[in-house]
Amino acid sequence: ALGVGLTLLLACNQPRTPPEVQGEAPVL
């Protein structure tokens, strides 16, 4: 959320695999 009413969407297609504990934080 970037202030009231302004939302930045960063989208990508990725397989639905469980994230690794020490790896890069999975995208919500």
PDB file of all heavy atoms in Angstrom:
ATOM      1  N   ALA A   1       0.846  -1.187   0.000  1.00  0.00           N
ATOM      2  CA  ALA A   1       0.000   0.000   0.000  1.00  0.00           C
ATOM      3  C   ALA A   1       0.881   1.236   0.000  1.00  0.00           C
ATOM      4  O   ALA A   1       1.760   1.388   0.835  1.00  0.00           O
ATOM      5  CB  ALA A   1      -0.897   0.009   1.233  1.00  0.00           C
ATOM      6  N   LEU A   2       0.656   2.110  -0.938  1.00  0.00           N
ATOM      7  CA  LEU A   2       1.413   3.348  -1.025  1.00  0.00           C
ATOM      8  C   LEU A   2       0.454   4.504  -0.823  1.00  0.00           C
ATOM      9  O   LEU A   2       0.054   5.189  -1.753  1.00  0.00           O
ATOM     10  CB  LEU A   2       2.107   3.461  -2.390  1.00  0.00           C
ATOM     11  CG  LEU A   2       3.053   2.296  -2.739  1.00  0.00           C
ATOM     12  CD1 LEU A   2       3.604   2.489  -4.140  1.00  0.00           C
ATOM     13  CD2 LEU A   2       4.188   2.233  -1.741  1.00  0.00           C
ATOM     14  N   GLY A   3       0.042   4.706   0.429  1.00  0.00           N
ATOM     15  CA  GLY A   3      -0.918   5.755   0.713  1.00  0.00           C
ATOM     16  C   GLY A   3      -2.326   5.276   0.445  1.00  0.00           C
ATOM     17  O   GLY A   3      -2.568   4.197  -0.076  1.00  0.00           O
ATOM     18  N   VAL A   4      -3.291   6.128   0.785  1.00  0.00           N
ATOM     19  CA  VAL A   4      -4.688   5.767   0.649  1.00  0.00           C
ATOM     20  C   VAL A   4      -5.057   5.653  -0.818  1.00  0.00           C
ATOM     21  O   VAL A   4      -4.857   6.570  -1.606  1.00  0.00           O
ATOM     22  CB  VAL A   4      -5.570   6.810   1.338  1.00  0.00           C
ATOM     23  CG1 VAL A   4      -7.030   6.447   1.182  1.00  0.00           C
ATOM     24  CG2 VAL A   4      -5.195   6.931   2.801  1.00  0.00           C
ATOM     25  N   GLY A   5      -5.566   4.497  -1.179  1.00  0.00           N
ATOM     26  CA  GLY A   5      -6.125   4.329  -2.512  1.00  0.00           C
ATOM     27  C   GLY A   5      -5.109   4.034  -3.594  1.00  0.00           C
ATOM     28  O   GLY A   5      -5.472   3.883  -4.751  1.00  0.00           O
ATOM     29  N   LEU A   6      -3.819   3.960  -3.290  1.00  0.00           N
ATOM     30  CA  LEU A   6      -2.817   3.695  -4.308  1.00  0.00           C
ATOM     31  C   LEU A   6      -2.136   2.394  -3.979  1.00  0.00           C
ATOM     32  O   LEU A   6      -1.527   2.237  -2.936  1.00  0.00           O
ATOM     33  CB  LEU A   6      -1.786   4.828  -4.367  1.00  0.00           C
ATOM     34  CG  LEU A   6      -0.648   4.651  -5.392  1.00  0.00           C
ATOM     35  CD1 LEU A   6      -1.234   4.558  -6.802  1.00  0.00           C
ATOM     36  CD2 LEU A   6       0.320   5.823  -5.304  1.00  0.00           C
ATOM     37  N   THR A   7      -2.216   1.411  -4.868  1.00  0.00           N
ATOM     38  CA  THR A   7      -1.661   0.093  -4.617  1.00  0.00           C
ATOM     39  C   THR A   7      -0.768  -0.309  -5.766  1.00  0.00           C
ATOM     40  O   THR A   7      -1.140  -0.179  -6.935  1.00  0.00           O
ATOM     41  CB  THR A   7      -2.783  -0.953  -4.464  1.00  0.00           C
ATOM     42  OG1 THR A   7      -3.629  -0.545  -3.402  1.00  0.00           O
ATOM     43  CG2 THR A   7      -2.201  -2.318  -4.149  1.00  0.00           C
ATOM     44  N   LEU A   8       0.433  -0.777  -5.453  1.00  0.00           N
ATOM     45  CA  LEU A   8       1.370  -1.249  -6.448  1.00  0.00           C
ATOM     46  C   LEU A   8       1.262  -2.756  -6.525  1.00  0.00           C
ATOM     47  O   LEU A   8       1.422  -3.450  -5.532  1.00  0.00           O
ATOM     48  CB  LEU A   8       2.802  -0.841  -6.058  1.00  0.00           C
ATOM     49  CG  LEU A   8       3.927  -1.352  -6.966  1.00  0.00           C
ATOM     50  CD1 LEU A   8       3.785  -0.760  -8.360  1.00  0.00           C
ATOM     51  CD2 LEU A   8       5.280  -1.003  -6.365  1.00  0.00           C
ATOM     52  N   LEU A   9       1.004  -3.294  -7.702  1.00  0.00           N
ATOM     53  CA  LEU A   9       0.903  -4.731  -7.907  1.00  0.00           C
ATOM     54  C   LEU A   9       2.108  -5.196  -8.690  1.00  0.00           C
ATOM     55  O   LEU A   9       2.360  -4.737  -9.795  1.00  0.00           O
ATOM     56  CB  LEU A   9      -0.372  -5.088  -8.683  1.00  0.00           C
ATOM     57  CG  LEU A   9      -1.697  -4.673  -8.049  1.00  0.00           C
ATOM     58  CD1 LEU A   9      -2.850  -5.082  -8.961  1.00  0.00           C
ATOM     59  CD2 LEU A   9      -1.851  -5.315  -6.700  1.00  0.00           C
ATOM     60  N   LEU A  10       2.879  -6.094  -8.110  1.00  0.00           N
ATOM     61  CA  LEU A  10       4.010  -6.701  -8.790  1.00  0.00           C
ATOM     62  C   LEU A  10       3.651  -8.160  -8.999  1.00  0.00           C
ATOM     63  O   LEU A  10       3.628  -8.931  -8.059  1.00  0.00           O
ATOM     64  CB  LEU A  10       5.274  -6.569  -7.944  1.00  0.00           C
ATOM     65  CG  LEU A  10       5.658  -5.141  -7.546  1.00  0.00           C
ATOM     66  CD1 LEU A  10       6.884  -5.170  -6.640  1.00  0.00           C
ATOM     67  CD2 LEU A  10       5.926  -4.297  -8.771  1.00  0.00           C
ATOM     68  N   ALA A  11       3.354  -8.521 -10.214  1.00  0.00           N
ATOM     69  CA  ALA A  11       2.845  -9.863 -10.474  1.00  0.00           C
ATOM     70  C   ALA A  11       3.818 -10.675 -11.297  1.00  0.00           C
ATOM     71  O   ALA A  11       4.525 -10.161 -12.165  1.00  0.00           O
ATOM     72  CB  ALA A  11       1.509  -9.773 -11.219  1.00  0.00           C
ATOM     73  N   CYS A  12       3.845 -11.934 -11.033  1.00  0.00           N
ATOM     74  CA  CYS A  12       4.631 -12.859 -11.835  1.00  0.00           C
ATOM     75  C   CYS A  12       3.994 -14.225 -11.709  1.00  0.00           C
ATOM     76  O   CYS A  12       3.218 -14.487 -10.799  1.00  0.00           O
ATOM     77  CB  CYS A  12       6.089 -12.894 -11.390  1.00  0.00           C
ATOM     78  SG  CYS A  12       6.333 -13.401  -9.682  1.00  0.00           S
ATOM     79  N   ASN A  13       4.295 -15.100 -12.631  1.00  0.00           N
ATOM     80  CA  ASN A  13       3.781 -16.462 -12.571  1.00  0.00           C
ATOM     81  C   ASN A  13       4.874 -17.379 -12.056  1.00  0.00           C
ATOM     82  O   ASN A  13       5.968 -17.435 -12.611  1.00  0.00           O
ATOM     83  CB  ASN A  13       3.327 -16.920 -13.958  1.00  0.00           C
ATOM     84  CG  ASN A  13       2.097 -16.176 -14.422  1.00  0.00           C
ATOM     85  OD1 ASN A  13       1.202 -15.945 -13.624  1.00  0.00           O
ATOM     86  ND2 ASN A  13       2.047 -15.796 -15.694  1.00  0.00           N
ATOM     87  N   GLN A  14       4.556 -18.105 -10.986  1.00  0.00           N
ATOM     88  CA  GLN A  14       5.506 -19.022 -10.392  1.00  0.00           C
ATOM     89  C   GLN A  14       4.760 -20.284  -9.997  1.00  0.00           C
ATOM     90  O   GLN A  14       3.574 -20.240  -9.672  1.00  0.00           O
ATOM     91  CB  GLN A  14       6.148 -18.413  -9.138  1.00  0.00           C
ATOM     92  CG  GLN A  14       6.915 -17.135  -9.414  1.00  0.00           C
ATOM     93  CD  GLN A  14       7.465 -16.551  -8.125  1.00  0.00           C
ATOM     94  OE1 GLN A  14       7.186 -17.058  -7.046  1.00  0.00           O
ATOM     95  NE2 GLN A  14       8.254 -15.501  -8.241  1.00  0.00           N
ATOM     96  N   PRO A  15       5.416 -21.423 -10.004  1.00  0.00           N
ATOM     97  CA  PRO A  15       4.759 -22.654  -9.554  1.00  0.00           C
ATOM     98  C   PRO A  15       4.438 -22.583  -8.074  1.00  0.00           C
ATOM     99  O   PRO A  15       5.157 -21.953  -7.301  1.00  0.00           O
ATOM    100  CB  PRO A  15       5.802 -23.743  -9.852  1.00  0.00           C
ATOM    101  CG  PRO A  15       7.117 -23.004  -9.852  1.00  0.00           C
ATOM    102  CD  PRO A  15       6.807 -21.643 -10.406  1.00  0.00           C
ATOM    103  N   ARG A  16       3.358 -23.233  -7.674  1.00  0.00           N
ATOM    104  CA  ARG A  16       2.936 -23.210  -6.282  1.00  0.00           C
ATOM    105  C   ARG A  16       3.690 -24.286  -5.513  1.00  0.00           C
ATOM    106  O   ARG A  16       3.164 -25.357  -5.225  1.00  0.00           O
ATOM    107  CB  ARG A  16       1.430 -23.401  -6.169  1.00  0.00           C
ATOM    108  CG  ARG A  16       0.646 -22.215  -6.664  1.00  0.00           C
ATOM    109  CD  ARG A  16      -0.832 -22.332  -6.351  1.00  0.00           C
ATOM    110  NE  ARG A  16      -1.502 -23.251  -7.263  1.00  0.00           N
ATOM    111  CZ  ARG A  16      -2.001 -24.420  -6.907  1.00  0.00           C
ATOM    112  NH1 ARG A  16      -1.897 -24.841  -5.678  1.00  0.00           N
ATOM    113  NH2 ARG A  16      -2.613 -25.183  -7.776  1.00  0.00           N
ATOM    114  N   THR A  17       4.939 -24.007  -5.173  1.00  0.00           N
ATOM    115  CA  THR A  17       5.742 -24.936  -4.388  1.00  0.00           C
ATOM    116  C   THR A  17       6.050 -24.317  -3.049  1.00  0.00           C
ATOM    117  O   THR A  17       6.212 -23.100  -2.943  1.00  0.00           O
ATOM    118  CB  THR A  17       7.051 -25.262  -5.112  1.00  0.00           C
ATOM    119  OG1 THR A  17       7.746 -24.030  -5.382  1.00  0.00           O
ATOM    120  CG2 THR A  17       6.783 -25.974  -6.419  1.00  0.00           C
ATOM    121  N   PRO A  18       6.147 -25.130  -1.987  1.00  0.00           N
ATOM    122  CA  PRO A  18       6.442 -24.568  -0.669  1.00  0.00           C
ATOM    123  C   PRO A  18       7.776 -23.855  -0.668  1.00  0.00           C
ATOM    124  O   PRO A  18       8.759 -24.344  -1.229  1.00  0.00           O
ATOM    125  CB  PRO A  18       6.469 -25.806   0.244  1.00  0.00           C
ATOM    126  CG  PRO A  18       5.715 -26.847  -0.509  1.00  0.00           C
ATOM    127  CD  PRO A  18       5.956 -26.571  -1.953  1.00  0.00           C
ATOM    128  N   PRO A  19       7.862 -22.671  -0.065  1.00  0.00           N
ATOM    129  CA  PRO A  19       9.114 -21.942  -0.011  1.00  0.00           C
ATOM    130  C   PRO A  19      10.121 -22.626   0.900  1.00  0.00           C
ATOM    131  O   PRO A  19       9.770 -23.341   1.837  1.00  0.00           O
ATOM    132  CB  PRO A  19       8.705 -20.579   0.565  1.00  0.00           C
ATOM    133  CG  PRO A  19       7.465 -20.866   1.319  1.00  0.00           C
ATOM    134  CD  PRO A  19       6.769 -21.978   0.584  1.00  0.00           C
ATOM    135  N   GLU A  20      11.383 -22.413   0.622  1.00  0.00           N
ATOM    136  CA  GLU A  20      12.438 -22.953   1.464  1.00  0.00           C
ATOM    137  C   GLU A  20      12.628 -22.085   2.697  1.00  0.00           C
ATOM    138  O   GLU A  20      12.428 -20.885   2.665  1.00  0.00           O
ATOM    139  CB  GLU A  20      13.756 -23.024   0.676  1.00  0.00           C
ATOM    140  CG  GLU A  20      13.699 -23.955  -0.539  1.00  0.00           C
ATOM    141  CD  GLU A  20      13.451 -25.385  -0.143  1.00  0.00           C
ATOM    142  OE1 GLU A  20      13.903 -25.788   0.947  1.00  0.00           O
ATOM    143  OE2 GLU A  20      12.809 -26.111  -0.918  1.00  0.00           O
ATOM    144  N   VAL A  21      13.066 -22.696   3.781  1.00  0.00           N
ATOM    145  CA  VAL A  21      13.231 -21.973   5.032  1.00  0.00           C
ATOM    146  C   VAL A  21      14.280 -20.887   4.908  1.00  0.00           C
ATOM    147  O   VAL A  21      14.092 -19.753   5.313  1.00  0.00           O
ATOM    148  CB  VAL A  21      13.615 -22.935   6.161  1.00  0.00           C
ATOM    149  CG1 VAL A  21      13.826 -22.175   7.457  1.00  0.00           C
ATOM    150  CG2 VAL A  21      12.554 -23.994   6.335  1.00  0.00           C
ATOM    151  N   GLN A  22      15.446 -21.216   4.331  1.00  0.00           N
ATOM    152  CA  GLN A  22      16.539 -20.267   4.258  1.00  0.00           C
ATOM    153  C   GLN A  22      16.600 -19.558   2.908  1.00  0.00           C
ATOM    154  O   GLN A  22      17.472 -18.743   2.680  1.00  0.00           O
ATOM    155  CB  GLN A  22      17.875 -20.996   4.517  1.00  0.00           C
ATOM    156  CG  GLN A  22      17.939 -21.685   5.881  1.00  0.00           C
ATOM    157  CD  GLN A  22      17.836 -20.710   7.009  1.00  0.00           C
ATOM    158  OE1 GLN A  22      18.221 -19.552   6.904  1.00  0.00           O
ATOM    159  NE2 GLN A  22      17.295 -21.159   8.137  1.00  0.00           N
ATOM    160  N   GLY A  23      15.708 -19.880   2.010  1.00  0.00           N
ATOM    161  CA  GLY A  23      15.757 -19.277   0.688  1.00  0.00           C
ATOM    162  C   GLY A  23      15.131 -17.908   0.657  1.00  0.00           C
ATOM    163  O   GLY A  23      14.779 -17.316   1.674  1.00  0.00           O
ATOM    164  N   GLU A  24      14.960 -17.397  -0.542  1.00  0.00           N
ATOM    165  CA  GLU A  24      14.351 -16.090  -0.715  1.00  0.00           C
ATOM    166  C   GLU A  24      12.917 -16.123  -0.215  1.00  0.00           C
ATOM    167  O   GLU A  24      12.198 -17.095  -0.420  1.00  0.00           O
ATOM    168  CB  GLU A  24      14.382 -15.708  -2.195  1.00  0.00           C
ATOM    169  CG  GLU A  24      13.798 -14.343  -2.485  1.00  0.00           C
ATOM    170  CD  GLU A  24      13.862 -14.004  -3.956  1.00  0.00           C
ATOM    171  OE1 GLU A  24      14.447 -14.795  -4.708  1.00  0.00           O
ATOM    172  OE2 GLU A  24      13.312 -12.964  -4.336  1.00  0.00           O
ATOM    173  N   ALA A  25      12.515 -15.065   0.456  1.00  0.00           N
ATOM    174  CA  ALA A  25      11.156 -15.024   1.004  1.00  0.00           C
ATOM    175  C   ALA A  25      10.143 -15.181  -0.118  1.00  0.00           C
ATOM    176  O   ALA A  25      10.199 -14.477  -1.115  1.00  0.00           O
ATOM    177  CB  ALA A  25      10.931 -13.703   1.732  1.00  0.00           C
ATOM    178  N   PRO A  26       9.204 -16.121   0.003  1.00  0.00           N
ATOM    179  CA  PRO A  26       8.207 -16.307  -1.049  1.00  0.00           C
ATOM    180  C   PRO A  26       7.310 -15.089  -1.156  1.00  0.00           C
ATOM    181  O   PRO A  26       7.059 -14.389  -0.191  1.00  0.00           O
ATOM    182  CB  PRO A  26       7.416 -17.532  -0.559  1.00  0.00           C
ATOM    183  CG  PRO A  26       7.625 -17.547   0.914  1.00  0.00           C
ATOM    184  CD  PRO A  26       8.995 -16.999   1.145  1.00  0.00           C
ATOM    185  N   VAL A  27       6.836 -14.855  -2.360  1.00  0.00           N
ATOM    186  CA  VAL A  27       5.984 -13.700  -2.602  1.00  0.00           C
ATOM    187  C   VAL A  27       4.561 -14.017  -2.180  1.00  0.00           C
ATOM    188  O   VAL A  27       4.035 -15.077  -2.491  1.00  0.00           O
ATOM    189  CB  VAL A  27       6.033 -13.311  -4.091  1.00  0.00           C
ATOM    190  CG1 VAL A  27       5.085 -12.164  -4.377  1.00  0.00           C
ATOM    191  CG2 VAL A  27       7.452 -12.934  -4.498  1.00  0.00           C
ATOM    192  N   LEU A  28       3.959 -13.128  -1.455  1.00  0.00           N
ATOM    193  CA  LEU A  28       2.591 -13.332  -0.999  1.00  0.00           C
ATOM    194  C   LEU A  28       1.640 -13.381  -2.171  1.00  0.00           C
ATOM    195  O   LEU A  28       1.665 -12.520  -3.048  1.00  0.00           O
ATOM    196  CB  LEU A  28       2.184 -12.192  -0.062  1.00  0.00           C
ATOM    197  CG  LEU A  28       0.749 -12.227   0.423  1.00  0.00           C
ATOM    198  CD1 LEU A  28       0.549 -13.394   1.356  1.00  0.00           C
ATOM    199  CD2 LEU A  28       0.397 -10.936   1.111  1.00  0.00           C
TER     200      LEU A  28
END
